[in-house]
PDB file of N, CA and C in Angstrom:
ATOM      1  N   UNK A   1      -0.013  14.601 -44.375  1.00  0.00           N
ATOM      2  CA  UNK A   1       0.584  13.554 -44.631  1.00  0.00           C
ATOM      3  C   UNK A   1      -0.537  12.763 -43.728  1.00  0.00           C
ATOM      4  N   UNK A   2      -1.012  11.570 -44.237  1.00  0.00           N
ATOM      5  CA  UNK A   2      -1.855  11.097 -44.333  1.00  0.00           C
ATOM      6  C   UNK A   2      -2.567  10.814 -42.892  1.00  0.00           C
ATOM      7  N   UNK A   3      -3.258  10.228 -42.632  1.00  0.00           N
ATOM      8  CA  UNK A   3      -4.556   9.965 -41.134  1.00  0.00           C
ATOM      9  C   UNK A   3      -3.325   9.029 -40.661  1.00  0.00           C
ATOM     10  N   UNK A   4      -3.058   7.667 -41.088  1.00  0.00           N
ATOM     11  CA  UNK A   4      -2.387   6.796 -40.807  1.00  0.00           C
ATOM     12  C   UNK A   4      -0.899   6.698 -40.628  1.00  0.00           C
ATOM     13  N   UNK A   5      -0.443   7.694 -40.908  1.00  0.00           N
ATOM     14  CA  UNK A   5       1.185   8.277 -40.927  1.00  0.00           C
ATOM     15  C   UNK A   5       1.291   8.932 -39.745  1.00  0.00           C
ATOM     16  N   UNK A   6       0.039   9.939 -39.733  1.00  0.00           N
ATOM     17  CA  UNK A   6       0.487  10.413 -37.825  1.00  0.00           C
ATOM     18  C   UNK A   6      -0.071  10.088 -37.442  1.00  0.00           C
ATOM     19  N   UNK A   7      -0.773   8.965 -37.206  1.00  0.00           N
ATOM     20  CA  UNK A   7      -1.385   8.049 -36.007  1.00  0.00           C
ATOM     21  C   UNK A   7      -0.259   6.944 -36.156  1.00  0.00           C
ATOM     22  N   UNK A   8       0.614   6.281 -36.596  1.00  0.00           N
ATOM     23  CA  UNK A   8       1.952   6.140 -36.594  1.00  0.00           C
ATOM     24  C   UNK A   8       2.709   6.712 -35.663  1.00  0.00           C
ATOM     25  N   UNK A   9       3.117   7.686 -36.517  1.00  0.00           N
ATOM     26  CA  UNK A   9       4.086   8.613 -35.175  1.00  0.00           C
ATOM     27  C   UNK A   9       3.455   9.088 -34.076  1.00  0.00           C
ATOM     28  N   UNK A  10       1.604   9.207 -33.913  1.00  0.00           N
ATOM     29  CA  UNK A  10       1.792  10.139 -32.439  1.00  0.00           C
ATOM     30  C   UNK A  10       1.445   8.095 -31.923  1.00  0.00           C
ATOM     31  N   UNK A  11       1.513   7.141 -32.114  1.00  0.00           N
ATOM     32  CA  UNK A  11       1.635   6.176 -31.105  1.00  0.00           C
ATOM     33  C   UNK A  11       3.338   5.603 -30.753  1.00  0.00           C
ATOM     34  N   UNK A  12       4.153   5.779 -32.207  1.00  0.00           N
ATOM     35  CA  UNK A  12       5.146   6.282 -31.037  1.00  0.00           C
ATOM     36  C   UNK A  12       5.979   6.919 -30.247  1.00  0.00           C
ATOM     37  N   UNK A  13       5.382   8.159 -30.481  1.00  0.00           N
ATOM     38  CA  UNK A  13       6.084   9.225 -29.628  1.00  0.00           C
ATOM     39  C   UNK A  13       5.042   8.397 -27.966  1.00  0.00           C
ATOM     40  N   UNK A  14       4.178   8.255 -27.896  1.00  0.00           N
ATOM     41  CA  UNK A  14       3.498   7.365 -26.761  1.00  0.00           C
ATOM     42  C   UNK A  14       4.436   6.565 -26.125  1.00  0.00           C
ATOM     43  N   UNK A  15       4.668   5.686 -26.701  1.00  0.00           N
ATOM     44  CA  UNK A  15       5.446   4.448 -26.444  1.00  0.00           C
ATOM     45  C   UNK A  15       6.389   4.853 -26.017  1.00  0.00           C
ATOM     46  N   UNK A  16       7.369   5.759 -26.720  1.00  0.00           N
ATOM     47  CA  UNK A  16       8.690   6.296 -26.051  1.00  0.00           C
ATOM     48  C   UNK A  16       8.772   6.990 -25.122  1.00  0.00           C
ATOM     49  N   UNK A  17       7.418   8.429 -24.828  1.00  0.00           N
ATOM     50  CA  UNK A  17       7.354   8.640 -23.516  1.00  0.00           C
ATOM     51  C   UNK A  17       6.923   7.905 -22.371  1.00  0.00           C
ATOM     52  N   UNK A  18       6.186   6.824 -22.655  1.00  0.00           N
ATOM     53  CA  UNK A  18       5.947   6.180 -21.582  1.00  0.00           C
ATOM     54  C   UNK A  18       7.527   5.238 -21.130  1.00  0.00           C
ATOM     55  N   UNK A  19       8.291   4.647 -21.900  1.00  0.00           N
ATOM     56  CA  UNK A  19       9.457   4.775 -21.477  1.00  0.00           C
ATOM     57  C   UNK A  19      10.515   5.017 -20.836  1.00  0.00           C
ATOM     58  N   UNK A  20      10.436   5.874 -21.191  1.00  0.00           N
ATOM     59  CA  UNK A  20      11.292   6.811 -20.545  1.00  0.00           C
ATOM     60  C   UNK A  20      10.819   7.288 -19.435  1.00  0.00           C
ATOM     61  N   UNK A  21       9.740   7.506 -18.969  1.00  0.00           N
ATOM     62  CA  UNK A  21       8.990   7.314 -17.736  1.00  0.00           C
ATOM     63  C   UNK A  21       9.024   7.022 -16.436  1.00  0.00           C
ATOM     64  N   UNK A  22       9.133   5.655 -16.908  1.00  0.00           N
ATOM     65  CA  UNK A  22       9.385   4.229 -16.259  1.00  0.00           C
ATOM     66  C   UNK A  22      10.425   4.889 -15.389  1.00  0.00           C
ATOM     67  N   UNK A  23      11.600   4.762 -15.755  1.00  0.00           N
ATOM     68  CA  UNK A  23      12.573   4.578 -14.743  1.00  0.00           C
ATOM     69  C   UNK A  23      12.603   5.613 -13.501  1.00  0.00           C
ATOM     70  N   UNK A  24      12.476   6.903 -13.836  1.00  0.00           N
ATOM     71  CA  UNK A  24      11.964   8.067 -13.434  1.00  0.00           C
ATOM     72  C   UNK A  24      11.315   7.827 -12.046  1.00  0.00           C
ATOM     73  N   UNK A  25       9.756   6.657 -12.438  1.00  0.00           N
ATOM     74  CA  UNK A  25       9.437   6.838 -11.582  1.00  0.00           C
ATOM     75  C   UNK A  25       9.658   5.605 -10.472  1.00  0.00           C
ATOM     76  N   UNK A  26      10.991   4.787 -10.802  1.00  0.00           N
ATOM     77  CA  UNK A  26      11.146   3.593 -10.305  1.00  0.00           C
ATOM     78  C   UNK A  26      12.125   3.962  -8.987  1.00  0.00           C
ATOM     79  N   UNK A  27      12.760   4.810  -9.116  1.00  0.00           N
ATOM     80  CA  UNK A  27      14.312   5.560  -8.674  1.00  0.00           C
ATOM     81  C   UNK A  27      12.966   6.430  -7.307  1.00  0.00           C
ATOM     82  N   UNK A  28      12.019   7.055  -7.990  1.00  0.00           N
ATOM     83  CA  UNK A  28      11.180   7.749  -6.831  1.00  0.00           C
ATOM     84  C   UNK A  28      10.696   6.491  -5.802  1.00  0.00           C
ATOM     85  N   UNK A  29      10.030   5.471  -6.442  1.00  0.00           N
ATOM     86  CA  UNK A  29      10.059   4.725  -5.742  1.00  0.00           C
ATOM     87  C   UNK A  29      10.958   4.370  -4.357  1.00  0.00           C
ATOM     88  N   UNK A  30      12.305   4.016  -5.006  1.00  0.00           N
ATOM     89  CA  UNK A  30      13.447   3.790  -4.654  1.00  0.00           C
ATOM     90  C   UNK A  30      13.806   4.265  -2.953  1.00  0.00           C
ATOM     91  N   UNK A  31      13.680   6.131  -3.452  1.00  0.00           N
ATOM     92  CA  UNK A  31      14.083   6.802  -3.226  1.00  0.00           C
ATOM     93  C   UNK A  31      12.882   6.803  -1.297  1.00  0.00           C
ATOM     94  N   UNK A  32      11.596   6.824  -1.958  1.00  0.00           N
ATOM     95  CA  UNK A  32      10.401   6.787  -0.924  1.00  0.00           C
ATOM     96  C   UNK A  32      10.897   5.479   0.313  1.00  0.00           C
ATOM     97  N   UNK A  33      11.151   4.408  -0.645  1.00  0.00           N
ATOM     98  CA  UNK A  33      11.334   3.453   0.559  1.00  0.00           C
ATOM     99  C   UNK A  33      12.508   3.270   1.502  1.00  0.00           C
ATOM    100  N   UNK A  34      13.463   3.764   0.739  1.00  0.00           N
ATOM    101  CA  UNK A  34      14.952   3.954   1.333  1.00  0.00           C
ATOM    102  C   UNK A  34      14.720   4.930   2.574  1.00  0.00           C
ATOM    103  N   UNK A  35      14.362   5.892   1.900  1.00  0.00           N
ATOM    104  CA  UNK A  35      14.043   7.187   2.881  1.00  0.00           C
ATOM    105  C   UNK A  35      13.490   6.416   4.536  1.00  0.00           C
ATOM    106  N   UNK A  36      14.325   7.211   5.312  1.00  0.00           N
ATOM    107  CA  UNK A  36      14.080   6.952   6.763  1.00  0.00           C
ATOM    108  C   UNK A  36      12.723   8.228   7.360  1.00  0.00           C
ATOM    109  N   UNK A  37      11.860   7.307   7.981  1.00  0.00           N
ATOM    110  CA  UNK A  37      11.169   8.751   8.617  1.00  0.00           C
ATOM    111  C   UNK A  37      11.450   9.958   9.244  1.00  0.00           C
ATOM    112  N   UNK A  38      11.280  11.155   9.449  1.00  0.00           N
ATOM    113  CA  UNK A  38      11.225  12.335   9.936  1.00  0.00           C
ATOM    114  C   UNK A  38      11.021  12.000  11.660  1.00  0.00           C
ATOM    115  N   UNK A  39      11.790  13.220  12.572  1.00  0.00           N
ATOM    116  CA  UNK A  39      11.171  13.057  13.681  1.00  0.00           C
ATOM    117  C   UNK A  39       9.923  13.331  13.920  1.00  0.00           C
ATOM    118  N   UNK A  40       9.158  14.405  12.820  1.00  0.00           N
ATOM    119  CA  UNK A  40       7.859  14.823  12.977  1.00  0.00           C
ATOM    120  C   UNK A  40       6.961  14.269  12.187  1.00  0.00           C
ATOM    121  N   UNK A  41       7.440  12.975  11.521  1.00  0.00           N
ATOM    122  CA  UNK A  41       6.523  11.989  10.835  1.00  0.00           C
ATOM    123  C   UNK A  41       6.322  11.007  12.021  1.00  0.00           C
ATOM    124  N   UNK A  42       7.302  10.870  12.705  1.00  0.00           N
ATOM    125  CA  UNK A  42       6.791   9.905  13.650  1.00  0.00           C
ATOM    126  C   UNK A  42       6.329   9.986  14.929  1.00  0.00           C
ATOM    127  N   UNK A  43       6.372  11.653  15.027  1.00  0.00           N
ATOM    128  CA  UNK A  43       5.711  11.852  16.341  1.00  0.00           C
ATOM    129  C   UNK A  43       3.959  12.175  15.802  1.00  0.00           C
ATOM    130  N   UNK A  44       3.660  12.453  14.622  1.00  0.00           N
ATOM    131  CA  UNK A  44       2.384  12.695  14.422  1.00  0.00           C
ATOM    132  C   UNK A  44       1.745  11.175  14.553  1.00  0.00           C
ATOM    133  N   UNK A  45       2.924  10.107  13.716  1.00  0.00           N
ATOM    134  CA  UNK A  45       2.426   9.026  13.817  1.00  0.00           C
ATOM    135  C   UNK A  45       1.705   8.722  14.536  1.00  0.00           C
ATOM    136  N   UNK A  46       2.448   8.865  16.082  1.00  0.00           N
ATOM    137  CA  UNK A  46       2.421   8.176  17.390  1.00  0.00           C
ATOM    138  C   UNK A  46       1.177   9.043  18.145  1.00  0.00           C
ATOM    139  N   UNK A  47       1.423  10.448  17.644  1.00  0.00           N
ATOM    140  CA  UNK A  47      -0.204  11.092  18.342  1.00  0.00           C
ATOM    141  C   UNK A  47      -1.194  11.019  18.136  1.00  0.00           C
ATOM    142  N   UNK A  48      -1.285  10.987  16.925  1.00  0.00           N
ATOM    143  CA  UNK A  48      -2.995  10.728  15.510  1.00  0.00           C
ATOM    144  C   UNK A  48      -2.748   9.331  14.949  1.00  0.00           C
ATOM    145  N   UNK A  49      -1.738   9.301  14.375  1.00  0.00           N
ATOM    146  CA  UNK A  49      -2.527   8.363  13.466  1.00  0.00           C
ATOM    147  C   UNK A  49      -2.112   6.533  14.147  1.00  0.00           C
ATOM    148  N   UNK A  50      -1.726   6.388  15.182  1.00  0.00           N
ATOM    149  CA  UNK A  50      -2.097   5.656  16.203  1.00  0.00           C
ATOM    150  C   UNK A  50      -3.401   5.266  16.974  1.00  0.00           C
ATOM    151  N   UNK A  51      -3.532   6.394  17.530  1.00  0.00           N
ATOM    152  CA  UNK A  51      -4.713   6.239  17.861  1.00  0.00           C
ATOM    153  C   UNK A  51      -5.859   6.046  17.416  1.00  0.00           C
ATOM    154  N   UNK A  52      -5.919   6.654  16.166  1.00  0.00           N
ATOM    155  CA  UNK A  52      -7.435   6.765  14.854  1.00  0.00           C
ATOM    156  C   UNK A  52      -7.075   5.047  14.944  1.00  0.00           C
ATOM    157  N   UNK A  53      -5.760   4.686  14.380  1.00  0.00           N
ATOM    158  CA  UNK A  53      -5.795   3.683  13.777  1.00  0.00           C
ATOM    159  C   UNK A  53      -6.609   1.967  15.043  1.00  0.00           C
ATOM    160  N   UNK A  54      -5.574   2.568  16.247  1.00  0.00           N
ATOM    161  CA  UNK A  54      -6.310   1.998  17.357  1.00  0.00           C
ATOM    162  C   UNK A  54      -7.842   1.747  17.249  1.00  0.00           C
ATOM    163  N   UNK A  55      -8.586   2.765  17.574  1.00  0.00           N
ATOM    164  CA  UNK A  55      -9.708   3.156  17.326  1.00  0.00           C
ATOM    165  C   UNK A  55     -10.572   2.191  16.138  1.00  0.00           C
ATOM    166  N   UNK A  56     -10.156   2.349  14.935  1.00  0.00           N
ATOM    167  CA  UNK A  56     -10.711   1.304  13.706  1.00  0.00           C
ATOM    168  C   UNK A  56     -10.542   0.230  13.912  1.00  0.00           C
ATOM    169  N   UNK A  57      -9.282  -0.355  14.316  1.00  0.00           N
ATOM    170  CA  UNK A  57      -9.521  -1.874  15.096  1.00  0.00           C
ATOM    171  C   UNK A  57     -10.251  -2.186  16.071  1.00  0.00           C
ATOM    172  N   UNK A  58     -10.887  -1.256  16.986  1.00  0.00           N
ATOM    173  CA  UNK A  58     -11.675  -1.953  17.801  1.00  0.00           C
ATOM    174  C   UNK A  58     -13.182  -1.297  17.184  1.00  0.00           C
ATOM    175  N   UNK A  59     -13.393  -1.061  16.516  1.00  0.00           N
ATOM    176  CA  UNK A  59     -14.662  -0.659  15.529  1.00  0.00           C
ATOM    177  C   UNK A  59     -14.624  -1.819  14.623  1.00  0.00           C
ATOM    178  N   UNK A  60     -13.828  -2.055  13.385  1.00  0.00           N
ATOM    179  CA  UNK A  60     -14.025  -2.900  12.961  1.00  0.00           C
ATOM    180  C   UNK A  60     -13.897  -4.434  13.760  1.00  0.00           C
ATOM    181  N   UNK A  61     -13.236  -4.610  14.985  1.00  0.00           N
ATOM    182  CA  UNK A  61     -13.980  -6.185  15.371  1.00  0.00           C
ATOM    183  C   UNK A  61     -15.013  -5.626  15.947  1.00  0.00           C
ATOM    184  N   UNK A  62     -15.420  -4.957  16.094  1.00  0.00           N
ATOM    185  CA  UNK A  62     -17.031  -4.724  16.798  1.00  0.00           C
ATOM    186  C   UNK A  62     -17.874  -5.176  15.496  1.00  0.00           C
ATOM    187  N   UNK A  63     -17.810  -4.293  14.670  1.00  0.00           N
ATOM    188  CA  UNK A  63     -18.647  -5.000  13.104  1.00  0.00           C
ATOM    189  C   UNK A  63     -18.095  -6.057  12.787  1.00  0.00           C
ATOM    190  N   UNK A  64     -17.064  -7.025  12.843  1.00  0.00           N
ATOM    191  CA  UNK A  64     -16.509  -8.336  12.818  1.00  0.00           C
ATOM    192  C   UNK A  64     -17.913  -9.004  12.963  1.00  0.00           C
ATOM    193  N   UNK A  65     -17.741  -9.328  14.408  1.00  0.00           N
ATOM    194  CA  UNK A  65     -17.994  -9.552  15.019  1.00  0.00           C
ATOM    195  C   UNK A  65     -19.923  -9.555  15.071  1.00  0.00           C
ATOM    196  N   UNK A  66     -19.933  -8.397  14.759  1.00  0.00           N
ATOM    197  CA  UNK A  66     -22.008  -8.416  14.591  1.00  0.00           C
ATOM    198  C   UNK A  66     -22.100  -8.845  13.473  1.00  0.00           C
ATOM    199  N   UNK A  67     -21.610  -8.682  12.237  1.00  0.00           N
ATOM    200  CA  UNK A  67     -21.656  -9.050  10.996  1.00  0.00           C
ATOM    201  C   UNK A  67     -21.001 -10.722  10.833  1.00  0.00           C
ATOM    202  N   UNK A  68     -21.103 -11.520  11.619  1.00  0.00           N
ATOM    203  CA  UNK A  68     -19.857 -12.734  11.311  1.00  0.00           C
ATOM    204  C   UNK A  68     -20.913 -13.739  11.032  1.00  0.00           C
ATOM    205  N   UNK A  69     -22.448 -14.034  11.564  1.00  0.00           N
ATOM    206  CA  UNK A  69     -23.680 -14.761  11.344  1.00  0.00           C
ATOM    207  C   UNK A  69     -23.711 -14.898   9.736  1.00  0.00           C
ATOM    208  N   UNK A  70     -23.504 -13.557   9.128  1.00  0.00           N
ATOM    209  CA  UNK A  70     -23.682 -13.684   7.612  1.00  0.00           C
ATOM    210  C   UNK A  70     -22.236 -13.607   6.893  1.00  0.00           C
ATOM    211  N   UNK A  71     -21.103 -13.538   7.910  1.00  0.00           N
ATOM    212  CA  UNK A  71     -19.952 -13.602   6.818  1.00  0.00           C
ATOM    213  C   UNK A  71     -20.158 -15.200   6.710  1.00  0.00           C
ATOM    214  N   UNK A  72     -20.060 -16.029   7.848  1.00  0.00           N
ATOM    215  CA  UNK A  72     -20.024 -17.385   7.674  1.00  0.00           C
ATOM    216  C   UNK A  72     -21.254 -18.340   6.713  1.00  0.00           C
ATOM    217  N   UNK A  73     -22.158 -17.536   7.023  1.00  0.00           N
ATOM    218  CA  UNK A  73     -23.081 -18.312   5.722  1.00  0.00           C
ATOM    219  C   UNK A  73     -23.264 -17.809   4.678  1.00  0.00           C
ATOM    220  N   UNK A  74     -22.559 -17.087   3.790  1.00  0.00           N
ATOM    221  CA  UNK A  74     -21.297 -16.960   2.627  1.00  0.00           C
ATOM    222  C   UNK A  74     -20.037 -17.378   3.027  1.00  0.00           C
ATOM    223  N   UNK A  75     -19.557 -17.702   3.677  1.00  0.00           N
ATOM    224  CA  UNK A  75     -18.738 -18.333   3.546  1.00  0.00           C
ATOM    225  C   UNK A  75     -16.875 -17.509   2.876  1.00  0.00           C
ATOM    226  N   UNK A  76     -17.583 -16.473   3.897  1.00  0.00           N
ATOM    227  CA  UNK A  76     -16.539 -15.258   3.674  1.00  0.00           C
ATOM    228  C   UNK A  76     -15.619 -14.791   5.493  1.00  0.00           C
ATOM    229  N   UNK A  77     -16.322 -15.353   6.467  1.00  0.00           N
ATOM    230  CA  UNK A  77     -15.394 -15.380   7.280  1.00  0.00           C
ATOM    231  C   UNK A  77     -13.908 -14.734   7.036  1.00  0.00           C
ATOM    232  N   UNK A  78     -12.699 -15.035   6.582  1.00  0.00           N
ATOM    233  CA  UNK A  78     -11.296 -15.334   6.634  1.00  0.00           C
ATOM    234  C   UNK A  78     -11.358 -14.018   5.853  1.00  0.00           C
ATOM    235  N   UNK A  79     -11.873 -13.558   5.031  1.00  0.00           N
ATOM    236  CA  UNK A  79     -11.812 -12.558   4.462  1.00  0.00           C
ATOM    237  C   UNK A  79     -12.624 -11.071   5.053  1.00  0.00           C
ATOM    238  N   UNK A  80     -13.842 -11.603   5.494  1.00  0.00           N
ATOM    239  CA  UNK A  80     -13.834 -10.318   6.674  1.00  0.00           C
ATOM    240  C   UNK A  80     -13.409  -9.773   7.656  1.00  0.00           C
ATOM    241  N   UNK A  81     -12.629 -10.834   8.017  1.00  0.00           N
ATOM    242  CA  UNK A  81     -11.527 -10.755   9.336  1.00  0.00           C
ATOM    243  C   UNK A  81     -10.442 -10.471   9.478  1.00  0.00           C
ATOM    244  N   UNK A  82      -9.582 -10.572   7.379  1.00  0.00           N
ATOM    245  CA  UNK A  82      -8.879  -9.809   7.425  1.00  0.00           C
ATOM    246  C   UNK A  82      -8.632  -7.975   6.854  1.00  0.00           C
ATOM    247  N   UNK A  83     -10.253  -7.878   6.221  1.00  0.00           N
ATOM    248  CA  UNK A  83     -10.191  -6.707   5.937  1.00  0.00           C
ATOM    249  C   UNK A  83     -11.266  -5.336   7.090  1.00  0.00           C
ATOM    250  N   UNK A  84     -11.718  -6.423   8.186  1.00  0.00           N
ATOM    251  CA  UNK A  84     -12.305  -5.706   9.386  1.00  0.00           C
ATOM    252  C   UNK A  84     -11.089  -5.707  10.315  1.00  0.00           C
ATOM    253  N   UNK A  85     -10.155  -6.625  10.845  1.00  0.00           N
ATOM    254  CA  UNK A  85      -9.731  -6.783  12.270  1.00  0.00           C
ATOM    255  C   UNK A  85      -7.980  -6.139  11.894  1.00  0.00           C
ATOM    256  N   UNK A  86      -7.345  -7.753  10.846  1.00  0.00           N
ATOM    257  CA  UNK A  86      -5.522  -8.272  10.453  1.00  0.00           C
ATOM    258  C   UNK A  86      -5.398  -6.839  10.037  1.00  0.00           C
ATOM    259  N   UNK A  87      -5.784  -5.938   8.790  1.00  0.00           N
ATOM    260  CA  UNK A  87      -4.635  -4.882   8.626  1.00  0.00           C
ATOM    261  C   UNK A  87      -4.679  -3.897   8.865  1.00  0.00           C
ATOM    262  N   UNK A  88      -5.793  -3.562   9.405  1.00  0.00           N
ATOM    263  CA  UNK A  88      -5.826  -2.283  10.756  1.00  0.00           C
ATOM    264  C   UNK A  88      -5.100  -2.888  11.981  1.00  0.00           C
ATOM    265  N   UNK A  89      -5.094  -3.665  12.682  1.00  0.00           N
ATOM    266  CA  UNK A  89      -4.591  -4.069  13.617  1.00  0.00           C
ATOM    267  C   UNK A  89      -2.477  -4.157  13.214  1.00  0.00           C
ATOM    268  N   UNK A  90      -2.300  -5.179  12.147  1.00  0.00           N
ATOM    269  CA  UNK A  90      -0.636  -5.042  11.656  1.00  0.00           C
ATOM    270  C   UNK A  90      -0.545  -3.471  11.414  1.00  0.00           C
ATOM    271  N   UNK A  91      -1.507  -2.288  11.040  1.00  0.00           N
ATOM    272  CA  UNK A  91      -0.940  -0.869  10.945  1.00  0.00           C
ATOM    273  C   UNK A  91      -1.172  -0.688  12.170  1.00  0.00           C
ATOM    274  N   UNK A  92      -1.892  -0.709  13.008  1.00  0.00           N
ATOM    275  CA  UNK A  92      -1.631  -0.421  14.569  1.00  0.00           C
ATOM    276  C   UNK A  92      -0.760  -0.566  14.708  1.00  0.00           C
ATOM    277  N   UNK A  93      -0.290  -1.810  15.217  1.00  0.00           N
ATOM    278  CA  UNK A  93       0.939  -2.486  16.110  1.00  0.00           C
ATOM    279  C   UNK A  93       2.674  -2.898  15.869  1.00  0.00           C
ATOM    280  N   UNK A  94       2.376  -3.471  14.143  1.00  0.00           N
ATOM    281  CA  UNK A  94       3.433  -3.657  13.727  1.00  0.00           C
ATOM    282  C   UNK A  94       4.344  -3.247  12.632  1.00  0.00           C
ATOM    283  N   UNK A  95       4.011  -1.568  12.183  1.00  0.00           N
ATOM    284  CA  UNK A  95       4.581  -0.794  11.482  1.00  0.00           C
ATOM    285  C   UNK A  95       4.841  -0.302  11.802  1.00  0.00           C
ATOM    286  N   UNK A  96       6.688   0.165  11.460  1.00  0.00           N
ATOM    287  CA  UNK A  96       7.507   1.024  12.038  1.00  0.00           C
ATOM    288  C   UNK A  96       6.823   2.197  12.103  1.00  0.00           C
ATOM    289  N   UNK A  97       7.454   3.420  13.144  1.00  0.00           N
ATOM    290  CA  UNK A  97       6.653   4.497  13.485  1.00  0.00           C
ATOM    291  C   UNK A  97       7.199   5.713  12.650  1.00  0.00           C
ATOM    292  N   UNK A  98       6.008   5.557  12.090  1.00  0.00           N
ATOM    293  CA  UNK A  98       6.202   7.202  11.110  1.00  0.00           C
ATOM    294  C   UNK A  98       6.834   6.254   9.671  1.00  0.00           C
ATOM    295  N   UNK A  99       6.724   5.191   9.615  1.00  0.00           N
ATOM    296  CA  UNK A  99       6.915   4.938   7.753  1.00  0.00           C
ATOM    297  C   UNK A  99       5.588   4.679   7.551  1.00  0.00           C
ATOM    298  N   UNK A 100       5.743   5.026   5.632  1.00  0.00           N
ATOM    299  CA  UNK A 100       4.313   4.993   4.903  1.00  0.00           C
ATOM    300  C   UNK A 100       4.086   3.115   4.886  1.00  0.00           C
ATOM    301  N   UNK A 101       2.979   2.920   4.541  1.00  0.00           N
ATOM    302  CA  UNK A 101       2.374   1.238   4.256  1.00  0.00           C
ATOM    303  C   UNK A 101       3.745   0.999   3.344  1.00  0.00           C
ATOM    304  N   UNK A 102       3.809   1.699   2.386  1.00  0.00           N
ATOM    305  CA  UNK A 102       4.757   1.332   1.157  1.00  0.00           C
ATOM    306  C   UNK A 102       6.297   0.633   1.838  1.00  0.00           C
ATOM    307  N   UNK A 103       6.640   1.882   2.803  1.00  0.00           N
ATOM    308  CA  UNK A 103       7.957   1.208   3.236  1.00  0.00           C
ATOM    309  C   UNK A 103       7.386   0.380   3.796  1.00  0.00           C
ATOM    310  N   UNK A 104       6.974   0.227   4.878  1.00  0.00           N
ATOM    311  CA  UNK A 104       6.534  -0.912   5.510  1.00  0.00           C
ATOM    312  C   UNK A 104       6.563  -2.187   5.461  1.00  0.00           C
ATOM    313  N   UNK A 105       5.744  -2.178   3.973  1.00  0.00           N
ATOM    314  CA  UNK A 105       5.842  -3.311   2.985  1.00  0.00           C
ATOM    315  C   UNK A 105       7.199  -4.171   2.864  1.00  0.00           C
ATOM    316  N   UNK A 106       7.663  -2.778   1.881  1.00  0.00           N
ATOM    317  CA  UNK A 106       9.084  -3.145   1.586  1.00  0.00           C
ATOM    318  C   UNK A 106       9.920  -3.541   2.419  1.00  0.00           C
ATOM    319  N   UNK A 107       9.971  -3.188   3.918  1.00  0.00           N
ATOM    320  CA  UNK A 107      10.941  -3.398   4.519  1.00  0.00           C
ATOM    321  C   UNK A 107      10.605  -4.630   5.338  1.00  0.00           C
ATOM    322  N   UNK A 108       9.719  -5.496   4.979  1.00  0.00           N
ATOM    323  CA  UNK A 108       9.374  -6.632   5.963  1.00  0.00           C
ATOM    324  C   UNK A 108       9.363  -7.680   4.722  1.00  0.00           C
ATOM    325  N   UNK A 109       9.630  -7.483   3.304  1.00  0.00           N
ATOM    326  CA  UNK A 109       9.574  -8.277   2.398  1.00  0.00           C
ATOM    327  C   UNK A 109      10.769  -9.310   2.236  1.00  0.00           C
ATOM    328  N   UNK A 110      10.476 -10.363   2.586  1.00  0.00           N
ATOM    329  CA  UNK A 110      11.360 -11.820   2.518  1.00  0.00           C
ATOM    330  C   UNK A 110      12.202 -11.137   1.446  1.00  0.00           C
ATOM    331  N   UNK A 111      14.119 -11.769   1.523  1.00  0.00           N
ATOM    332  CA  UNK A 111      14.618 -10.970   0.639  1.00  0.00           C
ATOM    333  C   UNK A 111      15.067 -12.430   0.494  1.00  0.00           C
ATOM    334  N   UNK A 112      14.826 -12.851  -1.037  1.00  0.00           N
ATOM    335  CA  UNK A 112      15.230 -13.876  -1.741  1.00  0.00           C
ATOM    336  C   UNK A 112      16.849 -13.533  -2.806  1.00  0.00           C
ATOM    337  N   UNK A 113      17.369 -14.522  -2.567  1.00  0.00           N
ATOM    338  CA  UNK A 113      18.727 -14.675  -3.707  1.00  0.00           C
ATOM    339  C   UNK A 113      18.808 -15.138  -4.942  1.00  0.00           C
ATOM    340  N   UNK A 114      17.358 -15.253  -5.682  1.00  0.00           N
ATOM    341  CA  UNK A 114      17.374 -16.245  -7.085  1.00  0.00           C
ATOM    342  C   UNK A 114      18.382 -14.718  -7.822  1.00  0.00           C
ATOM    343  N   UNK A 115      19.268 -16.130  -8.807  1.00  0.00           N
ATOM    344  CA  UNK A 115      19.845 -15.582  -9.756  1.00  0.00           C
ATOM    345  C   UNK A 115      19.022 -15.924 -11.205  1.00  0.00           C
ATOM    346  N   UNK A 116      19.046 -14.378 -11.914  1.00  0.00           N
ATOM    347  CA  UNK A 116      18.148 -14.201 -13.000  1.00  0.00           C
ATOM    348  C   UNK A 116      18.775 -15.322 -13.995  1.00  0.00           C
TER     349      UNK A 116
END
């Protein structure tokens, strides 16, 4: 076989394997999203993760206040607030107990009735 023939066959095999793997990953994501958190996951979230996230929220707030003049000079106050305070606060106080960030994002996603 020539080099171009081998290259074409390799490309075709690569495309075929990529197309067959995509549905498997989608099924795995659906299972992760629809799976309810276990009691152990809820307990670990309540005992370990939430206190650490709360401490991170307090630290992020202090860091945000300390860097506020520099953020204001750069015009990035909202971006700094979202990164240092809002994201951690949402994970701390609004995420369902034991849920992963992916599960929580999909559960809180607005439902649309769009027809293809």
